[in-house]
Amino acid sequence: MVLLTRLNHQPLAVNSDMIKFVEQSPDTVLTLITGEKLMVLESSAEVVQRIVAFRRSVYPVCSSLNWHEELPSGQGLRE
């Protein structure tokens, strides 16, 4: 979950797997895969940073890899 702030300054936790788009126009609008739209105070760059930080905390092996590197032996997807 990513912690964000609604325009009325109320905290909001969003499941980052549900986010389809993050747009800046001028407010930041999140479009969820359900079609629901949420407006938040954070910039689109801040939302993306929080998503990346959250995913790195959940999948720690990913934080030590570059995008072009393979996973260490035995940690890849099974066929």
PDB file of N, CA and C in Angstrom:
ATOM      1  N   MET A   1       0.841  -1.187   0.000  1.00  0.00           N
ATOM      2  CA  MET A   1       0.000   0.000   0.000  1.00  0.00           C
ATOM      3  C   MET A   1       0.879   1.242   0.000  1.00  0.00           C
ATOM      4  N   VAL A   2       0.441   2.253  -0.688  1.00  0.00           N
ATOM      5  CA  VAL A   2       1.154   3.523  -0.773  1.00  0.00           C
ATOM      6  C   VAL A   2       0.320   4.576  -0.046  1.00  0.00           C
ATOM      7  N   LEU A   3       0.952   5.284   0.881  1.00  0.00           N
ATOM      8  CA  LEU A   3       0.243   6.320   1.626  1.00  0.00           C
ATOM      9  C   LEU A   3       0.303   7.642   0.872  1.00  0.00           C
ATOM     10  N   LEU A   4      -0.871   8.204   0.602  1.00  0.00           N
ATOM     11  CA  LEU A   4      -1.005   9.469  -0.123  1.00  0.00           C
ATOM     12  C   LEU A   4      -1.970  10.372   0.637  1.00  0.00           C
ATOM     13  N   THR A   5      -2.233  11.554   0.063  1.00  0.00           N
ATOM     14  CA  THR A   5      -3.109  12.524   0.720  1.00  0.00           C
ATOM     15  C   THR A   5      -4.158  13.026  -0.269  1.00  0.00           C
ATOM     16  N   ARG A   6      -5.420  12.914   0.106  1.00  0.00           N
ATOM     17  CA  ARG A   6      -6.500  13.459  -0.734  1.00  0.00           C
ATOM     18  C   ARG A   6      -6.399  14.989  -0.758  1.00  0.00           C
ATOM     19  N   LEU A   7      -7.107  15.615  -1.669  1.00  0.00           N
ATOM     20  CA  LEU A   7      -7.080  17.081  -1.771  1.00  0.00           C
ATOM     21  C   LEU A   7      -7.619  17.754  -0.515  1.00  0.00           C
ATOM     22  N   ASN A   8      -8.462  17.053   0.258  1.00  0.00           N
ATOM     23  CA  ASN A   8      -9.006  17.623   1.497  1.00  0.00           C
ATOM     24  C   ASN A   8      -8.091  17.336   2.696  1.00  0.00           C
ATOM     25  N   HIS A   9      -6.849  16.900   2.404  1.00  0.00           N
ATOM     26  CA  HIS A   9      -5.804  16.627   3.400  1.00  0.00           C
ATOM     27  C   HIS A   9      -6.063  15.384   4.248  1.00  0.00           C
ATOM     28  N   GLN A  10      -6.977  14.540   3.825  1.00  0.00           N
ATOM     29  CA  GLN A  10      -7.223  13.275   4.507  1.00  0.00           C
ATOM     30  C   GLN A  10      -6.260  12.219   3.964  1.00  0.00           C
ATOM     31  N   PRO A  11      -5.648  11.416   4.836  1.00  0.00           N
ATOM     32  CA  PRO A  11      -4.738  10.370   4.366  1.00  0.00           C
ATOM     33  C   PRO A  11      -5.480   9.286   3.592  1.00  0.00           C
ATOM     34  N   LEU A  12      -4.762   8.671   2.683  1.00  0.00           N
ATOM     35  CA  LEU A  12      -5.348   7.660   1.813  1.00  0.00           C
ATOM     36  C   LEU A  12      -4.288   6.596   1.555  1.00  0.00           C
ATOM     37  N   ALA A  13      -4.626   5.338   1.720  1.00  0.00           N
ATOM     38  CA  ALA A  13      -3.727   4.233   1.384  1.00  0.00           C
ATOM     39  C   ALA A  13      -4.256   3.587   0.111  1.00  0.00           C
ATOM     40  N   VAL A  14      -3.391   3.484  -0.894  1.00  0.00           N
ATOM     41  CA  VAL A  14      -3.795   2.954  -2.198  1.00  0.00           C
ATOM     42  C   VAL A  14      -2.982   1.692  -2.501  1.00  0.00           C
ATOM     43  N   ASN A  15      -3.660   0.672  -2.967  1.00  0.00           N
ATOM     44  CA  ASN A  15      -2.985  -0.542  -3.419  1.00  0.00           C
ATOM     45  C   ASN A  15      -2.298  -0.203  -4.743  1.00  0.00           C
ATOM     46  N   SER A  16      -0.968  -0.205  -4.752  1.00  0.00           N
ATOM     47  CA  SER A  16      -0.235   0.223  -5.948  1.00  0.00           C
ATOM     48  C   SER A  16      -0.452  -0.711  -7.133  1.00  0.00           C
ATOM     49  N   ASP A  17      -0.860  -1.953  -6.874  1.00  0.00           N
ATOM     50  CA  ASP A  17      -1.147  -2.880  -7.971  1.00  0.00           C
ATOM     51  C   ASP A  17      -2.417  -2.491  -8.718  1.00  0.00           C
ATOM     52  N   MET A  18      -3.235  -1.642  -8.119  1.00  0.00           N
ATOM     53  CA  MET A  18      -4.497  -1.227  -8.736  1.00  0.00           C
ATOM     54  C   MET A  18      -4.355   0.035  -9.588  1.00  0.00           C
ATOM     55  N   ILE A  19      -3.189   0.684  -9.556  1.00  0.00           N
ATOM     56  CA  ILE A  19      -3.001   1.942 -10.290  1.00  0.00           C
ATOM     57  C   ILE A  19      -2.674   1.643 -11.753  1.00  0.00           C
ATOM     58  N   LYS A  20      -3.478   2.213 -12.643  1.00  0.00           N
ATOM     59  CA  LYS A  20      -3.281   2.053 -14.081  1.00  0.00           C
ATOM     60  C   LYS A  20      -2.500   3.231 -14.648  1.00  0.00           C
ATOM     61  N   PHE A  21      -2.878   4.465 -14.258  1.00  0.00           N
ATOM     62  CA  PHE A  21      -2.227   5.692 -14.726  1.00  0.00           C
ATOM     63  C   PHE A  21      -2.011   6.648 -13.576  1.00  0.00           C
ATOM     64  N   VAL A  22      -0.954   7.451 -13.680  1.00  0.00           N
ATOM     65  CA  VAL A  22      -0.738   8.595 -12.786  1.00  0.00           C
ATOM     66  C   VAL A  22      -0.533   9.789 -13.708  1.00  0.00           C
ATOM     67  N   GLU A  23      -1.411  10.776 -13.595  1.00  0.00           N
ATOM     68  CA  GLU A  23      -1.363  11.942 -14.480  1.00  0.00           C
ATOM     69  C   GLU A  23      -1.259  13.228 -13.671  1.00  0.00           C
ATOM     70  N   GLN A  24      -0.594  14.220 -14.244  1.00  0.00           N
ATOM     71  CA  GLN A  24      -0.465  15.542 -13.627  1.00  0.00           C
ATOM     72  C   GLN A  24      -1.181  16.527 -14.539  1.00  0.00           C
ATOM     73  N   SER A  25      -2.307  17.133 -14.046  1.00  0.00           N
ATOM     74  CA  SER A  25      -3.058  17.998 -14.954  1.00  0.00           C
ATOM     75  C   SER A  25      -3.984  19.009 -14.287  1.00  0.00           C
ATOM     76  N   PRO A  26      -3.695  20.019 -13.577  1.00  0.00           N
ATOM     77  CA  PRO A  26      -2.479  20.264 -12.809  1.00  0.00           C
ATOM     78  C   PRO A  26      -2.445  19.430 -11.536  1.00  0.00           C
ATOM     79  N   ASP A  27      -3.636  18.979 -11.047  1.00  0.00           N
ATOM     80  CA  ASP A  27      -3.630  18.103  -9.873  1.00  0.00           C
ATOM     81  C   ASP A  27      -3.187  16.701 -10.313  1.00  0.00           C
ATOM     82  N   THR A  28      -2.722  15.930  -9.363  1.00  0.00           N
ATOM     83  CA  THR A  28      -2.331  14.555  -9.666  1.00  0.00           C
ATOM     84  C   THR A  28      -3.571  13.674  -9.607  1.00  0.00           C
ATOM     85  N   VAL A  29      -3.808  12.960 -10.694  1.00  0.00           N
ATOM     86  CA  VAL A  29      -4.972  12.083 -10.811  1.00  0.00           C
ATOM     87  C   VAL A  29      -4.477  10.652 -10.988  1.00  0.00           C
ATOM     88  N   LEU A  30      -4.938   9.773 -10.099  1.00  0.00           N
ATOM     89  CA  LEU A  30      -4.649   8.351 -10.235  1.00  0.00           C
ATOM     90  C   LEU A  30      -5.868   7.703 -10.865  1.00  0.00           C
ATOM     91  N   THR A  31      -5.650   6.932 -11.909  1.00  0.00           N
ATOM     92  CA  THR A  31      -6.723   6.146 -12.493  1.00  0.00           C
ATOM     93  C   THR A  31      -6.454   4.702 -12.129  1.00  0.00           C
ATOM     94  N   LEU A  32      -7.413   4.084 -11.455  1.00  0.00           N
ATOM     95  CA  LEU A  32      -7.270   2.697 -11.046  1.00  0.00           C
ATOM     96  C   LEU A  32      -7.737   1.772 -12.162  1.00  0.00           C
ATOM     97  N   ILE A  33      -7.362   0.514 -12.082  1.00  0.00           N
ATOM     98  CA  ILE A  33      -7.758  -0.435 -13.124  1.00  0.00           C
ATOM     99  C   ILE A  33      -9.268  -0.635 -13.171  1.00  0.00           C
ATOM    100  N   THR A  34      -9.962  -0.236 -12.114  1.00  0.00           N
ATOM    101  CA  THR A  34     -11.429  -0.314 -12.073  1.00  0.00           C
ATOM    102  C   THR A  34     -12.080   0.851 -12.814  1.00  0.00           C
ATOM    103  N   GLY A  35     -11.258   1.870 -13.176  1.00  0.00           N
ATOM    104  CA  GLY A  35     -11.787   3.071 -13.817  1.00  0.00           C
ATOM    105  C   GLY A  35     -11.995   4.211 -12.839  1.00  0.00           C
ATOM    106  N   GLU A  36     -11.954   3.917 -11.536  1.00  0.00           N
ATOM    107  CA  GLU A  36     -12.100   4.955 -10.519  1.00  0.00           C
ATOM    108  C   GLU A  36     -10.926   5.918 -10.593  1.00  0.00           C
ATOM    109  N   LYS A  37     -11.203   7.203 -10.383  1.00  0.00           N
ATOM    110  CA  LYS A  37     -10.154   8.220 -10.392  1.00  0.00           C
ATOM    111  C   LYS A  37     -10.025   8.824  -8.997  1.00  0.00           C
ATOM    112  N   LEU A  38      -8.785   9.017  -8.557  1.00  0.00           N
ATOM    113  CA  LEU A  38      -8.497   9.622  -7.267  1.00  0.00           C
ATOM    114  C   LEU A  38      -7.583  10.817  -7.486  1.00  0.00           C
ATOM    115  N   MET A  39      -7.882  11.918  -6.816  1.00  0.00           N
ATOM    116  CA  MET A  39      -7.026  13.101  -6.890  1.00  0.00           C
ATOM    117  C   MET A  39      -6.258  13.205  -5.584  1.00  0.00           C
ATOM    118  N   VAL A  40      -4.939  13.432  -5.696  1.00  0.00           N
ATOM    119  CA  VAL A  40      -4.087  13.493  -4.512  1.00  0.00           C
ATOM    120  C   VAL A  40      -3.207  14.741  -4.555  1.00  0.00           C
ATOM    121  N   LEU A  41      -2.722  15.135  -3.371  1.00  0.00           N
ATOM    122  CA  LEU A  41      -1.867  16.317  -3.267  1.00  0.00           C
ATOM    123  C   LEU A  41      -0.451  16.086  -3.799  1.00  0.00           C
ATOM    124  N   GLU A  42       0.054  14.858  -3.667  1.00  0.00           N
ATOM    125  CA  GLU A  42       1.420  14.557  -4.080  1.00  0.00           C
ATOM    126  C   GLU A  42       1.574  14.691  -5.598  1.00  0.00           C
ATOM    127  N   SER A  43       2.766  15.064  -6.032  1.00  0.00           N
ATOM    128  CA  SER A  43       3.030  15.157  -7.470  1.00  0.00           C
ATOM    129  C   SER A  43       3.096  13.752  -8.069  1.00  0.00           C
ATOM    130  N   SER A  44       2.984  13.670  -9.381  1.00  0.00           N
ATOM    131  CA  SER A  44       3.073  12.357 -10.021  1.00  0.00           C
ATOM    132  C   SER A  44       4.437  11.726  -9.760  1.00  0.00           C
ATOM    133  N   ALA A  45       5.498  12.534  -9.736  1.00  0.00           N
ATOM    134  CA  ALA A  45       6.844  12.015  -9.451  1.00  0.00           C
ATOM    135  C   ALA A  45       6.917  11.443  -8.040  1.00  0.00           C
ATOM    136  N   GLU A  46       6.290  12.106  -7.078  1.00  0.00           N
ATOM    137  CA  GLU A  46       6.285  11.625  -5.696  1.00  0.00           C
ATOM    138  C   GLU A  46       5.502  10.317  -5.581  1.00  0.00           C
ATOM    139  N   VAL A  47       4.386  10.213  -6.292  1.00  0.00           N
ATOM    140  CA  VAL A  47       3.595   8.980  -6.277  1.00  0.00           C
ATOM    141  C   VAL A  47       4.442   7.824  -6.813  1.00  0.00           C
ATOM    142  N   VAL A  48       5.125   8.052  -7.918  1.00  0.00           N
ATOM    143  CA  VAL A  48       5.970   7.005  -8.502  1.00  0.00           C
ATOM    144  C   VAL A  48       7.093   6.631  -7.545  1.00  0.00           C
ATOM    145  N   GLN A  49       7.716   7.631  -6.912  1.00  0.00           N
ATOM    146  CA  GLN A  49       8.779   7.338  -5.931  1.00  0.00           C
ATOM    147  C   GLN A  49       8.258   6.472  -4.794  1.00  0.00           C
ATOM    148  N   ARG A  50       7.070   6.759  -4.314  1.00  0.00           N
ATOM    149  CA  ARG A  50       6.501   5.978  -3.209  1.00  0.00           C
ATOM    150  C   ARG A  50       6.168   4.551  -3.636  1.00  0.00           C
ATOM    151  N   ILE A  51       5.700   4.400  -4.866  1.00  0.00           N
ATOM    152  CA  ILE A  51       5.420   3.057  -5.385  1.00  0.00           C
ATOM    153  C   ILE A  51       6.718   2.254  -5.473  1.00  0.00           C
ATOM    154  N   VAL A  52       7.761   2.867  -6.014  1.00  0.00           N
ATOM    155  CA  VAL A  52       9.054   2.183  -6.134  1.00  0.00           C
ATOM    156  C   VAL A  52       9.595   1.816  -4.755  1.00  0.00           C
ATOM    157  N   ALA A  53       9.526   2.745  -3.806  1.00  0.00           N
ATOM    158  CA  ALA A  53      10.016   2.470  -2.448  1.00  0.00           C
ATOM    159  C   ALA A  53       9.220   1.325  -1.810  1.00  0.00           C
ATOM    160  N   PHE A  54       7.908   1.332  -1.995  1.00  0.00           N
ATOM    161  CA  PHE A  54       7.075   0.269  -1.434  1.00  0.00           C
ATOM    162  C   PHE A  54       7.449  -1.083  -2.033  1.00  0.00           C
ATOM    163  N   ARG A  55       7.575  -1.133  -3.342  1.00  0.00           N
ATOM    164  CA  ARG A  55       7.879  -2.412  -3.996  1.00  0.00           C
ATOM    165  C   ARG A  55       9.271  -2.912  -3.622  1.00  0.00           C
ATOM    166  N   ARG A  56      10.201  -1.993  -3.455  1.00  0.00           N
ATOM    167  CA  ARG A  56      11.539  -2.412  -3.017  1.00  0.00           C
ATOM    168  C   ARG A  56      11.493  -2.984  -1.604  1.00  0.00           C
ATOM    169  N   SER A  57      10.609  -2.455  -0.772  1.00  0.00           N
ATOM    170  CA  SER A  57      10.506  -2.971   0.596  1.00  0.00           C
ATOM    171  C   SER A  57       9.839  -4.342   0.627  1.00  0.00           C
ATOM    172  N   VAL A  58       8.941  -4.592  -0.316  1.00  0.00           N
ATOM    173  CA  VAL A  58       8.228  -5.859  -0.369  1.00  0.00           C
ATOM    174  C   VAL A  58       9.059  -6.928  -1.074  1.00  0.00           C
ATOM    175  N   TYR A  59       9.793  -6.514  -2.102  1.00  0.00           N
ATOM    176  CA  TYR A  59      10.624  -7.425  -2.887  1.00  0.00           C
ATOM    177  C   TYR A  59      12.079  -6.991  -2.765  1.00  0.00           C
ATOM    178  N   PRO A  60      12.724  -7.243  -1.611  1.00  0.00           N
ATOM    179  CA  PRO A  60      14.064  -6.717  -1.379  1.00  0.00           C
ATOM    180  C   PRO A  60      15.108  -7.182  -2.388  1.00  0.00           C
ATOM    181  N   VAL A  61      14.929  -8.346  -2.988  1.00  0.00           N
ATOM    182  CA  VAL A  61      15.907  -8.795  -3.972  1.00  0.00           C
ATOM    183  C   VAL A  61      15.943  -7.845  -5.169  1.00  0.00           C
ATOM    184  N   CYS A  62      14.831  -7.194  -5.482  1.00  0.00           N
ATOM    185  CA  CYS A  62      14.760  -6.284  -6.623  1.00  0.00           C
ATOM    186  C   CYS A  62      15.555  -5.007  -6.399  1.00  0.00           C
ATOM    187  N   SER A  63      15.719  -4.580  -5.159  1.00  0.00           N
ATOM    188  CA  SER A  63      16.412  -3.321  -4.892  1.00  0.00           C
ATOM    189  C   SER A  63      17.898  -3.420  -5.178  1.00  0.00           C
ATOM    190  N   SER A  64      18.444  -4.636  -5.218  1.00  0.00           N
ATOM    191  CA  SER A  64      19.867  -4.783  -5.465  1.00  0.00           C
ATOM    192  C   SER A  64      20.179  -5.090  -6.925  1.00  0.00           C
ATOM    193  N   LEU A  65      19.158  -5.208  -7.762  1.00  0.00           N
ATOM    194  CA  LEU A  65      19.365  -5.544  -9.165  1.00  0.00           C
ATOM    195  C   LEU A  65      19.238  -4.325 -10.064  1.00  0.00           C
ATOM    196  N   ASN A  66      19.955  -4.332 -11.159  1.00  0.00           N
ATOM    197  CA  ASN A  66      19.723  -3.365 -12.219  1.00  0.00           C
ATOM    198  C   ASN A  66      18.679  -3.972 -13.138  1.00  0.00           C
ATOM    199  N   TRP A  67      18.015  -3.173 -13.937  1.00  0.00           N
ATOM    200  CA  TRP A  67      16.920  -3.659 -14.766  1.00  0.00           C
ATOM    201  C   TRP A  67      17.364  -4.724 -15.752  1.00  0.00           C
ATOM    202  N   HIS A  68      18.633  -4.749 -16.142  1.00  0.00           N
ATOM    203  CA  HIS A  68      19.109  -5.679 -17.154  1.00  0.00           C
ATOM    204  C   HIS A  68      19.733  -6.943 -16.561  1.00  0.00           C
ATOM    205  N   GLU A  69      19.855  -7.021 -15.239  1.00  0.00           N
ATOM    206  CA  GLU A  69      20.462  -8.191 -14.608  1.00  0.00           C
ATOM    207  C   GLU A  69      19.434  -9.288 -14.390  1.00  0.00           C
ATOM    208  N   GLU A  70      19.908 -10.521 -14.383  1.00  0.00           N
ATOM    209  CA  GLU A  70      19.032 -11.648 -14.094  1.00  0.00           C
ATOM    210  C   GLU A  70      18.992 -11.884 -12.599  1.00  0.00           C
ATOM    211  N   LEU A  71      17.931 -12.535 -12.131  1.00  0.00           N
ATOM    212  CA  LEU A  71      17.828 -12.880 -10.716  1.00  0.00           C
ATOM    213  C   LEU A  71      18.888 -13.912 -10.381  1.00  0.00           C
ATOM    214  N   PRO A  72      19.363 -13.899  -9.130  1.00  0.00           N
ATOM    215  CA  PRO A  72      20.306 -14.931  -8.705  1.00  0.00           C
ATOM    216  C   PRO A  72      19.712 -16.316  -8.906  1.00  0.00           C
ATOM    217  N   SER A  73      20.556 -17.297  -9.106  1.00  0.00           N
ATOM    218  CA  SER A  73      20.128 -18.667  -9.372  1.00  0.00           C
ATOM    219  C   SER A  73      19.102 -19.136  -8.325  1.00  0.00           C
ATOM    220  N   GLY A  74      18.034 -19.745  -8.818  1.00  0.00           N
ATOM    221  CA  GLY A  74      17.018 -20.278  -7.917  1.00  0.00           C
ATOM    222  C   GLY A  74      15.963 -19.283  -7.489  1.00  0.00           C
ATOM    223  N   GLN A  75      16.080 -17.995  -7.892  1.00  0.00           N
ATOM    224  CA  GLN A  75      15.102 -16.994  -7.466  1.00  0.00           C
ATOM    225  C   GLN A  75      14.237 -16.493  -8.620  1.00  0.00           C
ATOM    226  N   GLY A  76      14.330 -17.144  -9.778  1.00  0.00           N
ATOM    227  CA  GLY A  76      13.530 -16.715 -10.908  1.00  0.00           C
ATOM    228  C   GLY A  76      12.146 -17.330 -10.878  1.00  0.00           C
ATOM    229  N   LEU A  77      11.355 -17.022 -11.878  1.00  0.00           N
ATOM    230  CA  LEU A  77      10.016 -17.603 -11.990  1.00  0.00           C
ATOM    231  C   LEU A  77      10.143 -19.054 -12.427  1.00  0.00           C
ATOM    232  N   ARG A  78       9.297 -19.886 -11.905  1.00  0.00           N
ATOM    233  CA  ARG A  78       9.298 -21.302 -12.292  1.00  0.00           C
ATOM    234  C   ARG A  78       8.385 -21.497 -13.486  1.00  0.00           C
ATOM    235  N   GLU A  79       8.824 -22.338 -14.386  1.00  0.00           N
ATOM    236  CA  GLU A  79       8.008 -22.606 -15.582  1.00  0.00           C
ATOM    237  C   GLU A  79       7.061 -23.745 -15.359  1.00  0.00           C
TER     238      GLU A  79
END
